[in-house]
Amino acid sequence: MTALTVLPSGKTYEATAGSTLLQALLAVGEVIASKCDGQAKCGACHVFIQEGRKGLSKIQKLENEKLDALVGVSSKSRLACQVVLGTEPATVELLSFV
């Protein structure tokens, strides 16, 4: 298990290491868009990882290509459907403009 803090609410949850960030967020009842069933095709689950990036899975080619096509991307951007949680705590910001 790992601690997952969600912004802007500031709530912290226990999440299962090895699950995707999208799975973890949905499991605790957070509202996050996802239109492609975790295939990295729609970009709707775009989030900012504010803390704990080094404890998450590395970005892969498919995710990187989708992020390149999105507006509002930063160095903290990830697709929640592609991020696999590790054992380190992480803070994620859900975006309201998606």
Protein backbone atom coordinates (compact mmCIF):
# COMPACT_ATOMS: atom_id res chain seq x y z
CA MET A 1 0.00 0.00 0.00
CA THR A 2 1.07 3.56 -0.60
CA ALA A 3 -0.26 6.97 0.41
CA LEU A 4 -1.93 8.89 -2.41
CA THR A 5 -2.81 12.54 -1.83
CA VAL A 6 -5.29 14.07 -4.26
CA LEU A 7 -5.43 17.80 -5.00
CA PRO A 8 -7.31 20.10 -4.94
CA SER A 9 -9.30 18.26 -2.22
CA GLY A 10 -6.19 17.48 -0.14
CA LYS A 11 -7.58 14.04 0.76
CA THR A 12 -5.09 11.23 1.34
CA TYR A 13 -5.94 7.62 0.57
CA GLU A 14 -4.22 4.27 0.86
CA ALA A 15 -3.72 2.84 -2.63
CA THR A 16 -2.47 -0.53 -3.80
CA ALA A 17 1.06 -0.54 -5.17
CA GLY A 18 1.08 -2.05 -8.65
CA SER A 19 -2.32 -0.63 -9.62
CA THR A 20 -2.69 2.21 -12.08
CA LEU A 21 -3.33 5.67 -10.77
CA LEU A 22 -6.67 5.67 -12.61
CA GLN A 23 -7.73 2.42 -10.90
CA ALA A 24 -6.69 3.79 -7.51
CA LEU A 25 -8.56 7.07 -7.98
CA LEU A 26 -11.75 5.38 -9.12
CA ALA A 27 -11.53 2.83 -6.27
CA VAL A 28 -11.64 5.61 -3.66
CA GLY A 29 -14.47 7.47 -5.38
CA GLU A 30 -12.55 10.35 -6.95
CA VAL A 31 -14.09 11.68 -10.16
CA ILE A 32 -11.72 11.52 -13.12
CA ALA A 33 -12.51 11.35 -16.82
CA SER A 34 -11.57 8.28 -18.82
CA LYS A 35 -13.01 7.63 -22.25
CA CYS A 36 -10.71 4.91 -23.65
CA ASP A 37 -10.69 2.29 -20.88
CA GLY A 38 -7.05 2.94 -19.99
CA GLN A 39 -5.62 2.62 -23.49
CA ALA A 40 -3.81 6.02 -23.52
CA LYS A 41 -5.87 7.03 -26.56
CA CYS A 42 -8.05 9.89 -25.29
CA GLY A 43 -5.91 11.90 -22.85
CA ALA A 44 -8.95 12.58 -20.64
CA CYS A 45 -7.18 11.28 -17.52
CA HIS A 46 -4.35 13.83 -17.80
CA VAL A 47 -3.12 14.76 -14.30
CA PHE A 48 -0.17 16.57 -12.73
CA ILE A 49 2.07 14.58 -10.42
CA GLN A 50 3.06 17.17 -7.82
CA GLU A 51 5.19 14.93 -5.58
CA GLY A 52 6.54 11.40 -5.69
CA ARG A 53 7.25 11.10 -9.42
CA LYS A 54 10.35 8.99 -8.88
CA GLY A 55 8.31 6.31 -7.12
CA LEU A 56 5.98 5.86 -10.11
CA SER A 57 6.42 3.91 -13.32
CA LYS A 58 8.45 5.58 -16.03
CA ILE A 59 6.65 7.20 -18.92
CA GLN A 60 6.40 4.93 -21.95
CA LYS A 61 6.27 5.77 -25.67
CA LEU A 62 2.48 5.48 -26.05
CA GLU A 63 1.82 7.82 -23.11
CA ASN A 64 4.48 10.27 -24.25
CA GLU A 65 2.98 10.43 -27.75
CA LYS A 66 -0.50 11.16 -26.36
CA LEU A 67 0.83 13.84 -23.99
CA ASP A 68 2.61 15.50 -26.92
CA ALA A 69 -0.80 15.95 -28.59
CA LEU A 70 -2.49 17.55 -25.56
CA VAL A 71 -2.80 21.22 -24.60
CA GLY A 72 -1.67 22.31 -21.12
CA VAL A 73 1.03 19.70 -20.66
CA SER A 74 3.95 20.30 -18.30
CA SER A 75 6.89 18.31 -16.98
CA LYS A 76 4.56 17.06 -14.23
CA SER A 77 1.97 15.70 -16.69
CA ARG A 78 1.02 12.03 -16.80
CA LEU A 79 -1.95 9.98 -17.93
CA ALA A 80 -3.51 8.36 -14.87
CA CYS A 81 -4.31 5.23 -16.86
CA GLN A 82 -0.62 4.65 -17.59
CA VAL A 83 0.93 5.47 -14.20
CA VAL A 84 1.65 2.38 -12.10
CA LEU A 85 1.90 3.17 -8.41
CA GLY A 86 4.97 2.12 -6.48
CA THR A 87 5.43 2.04 -2.72
CA GLU A 88 6.44 5.68 -2.33
CA PRO A 89 3.80 8.31 -1.39
CA ALA A 90 2.57 10.46 -4.28
CA THR A 91 0.56 13.66 -4.68
CA VAL A 92 -1.58 14.04 -7.78
CA GLU A 93 -3.51 17.09 -8.98
CA LEU A 94 -6.75 16.40 -10.83
CA LEU A 95 -7.28 18.90 -13.61
CA SER A 96 -10.57 20.72 -13.95
CA PHE A 97 -10.10 21.85 -17.55
CA VAL A 98 -10.10 18.34 -19.04
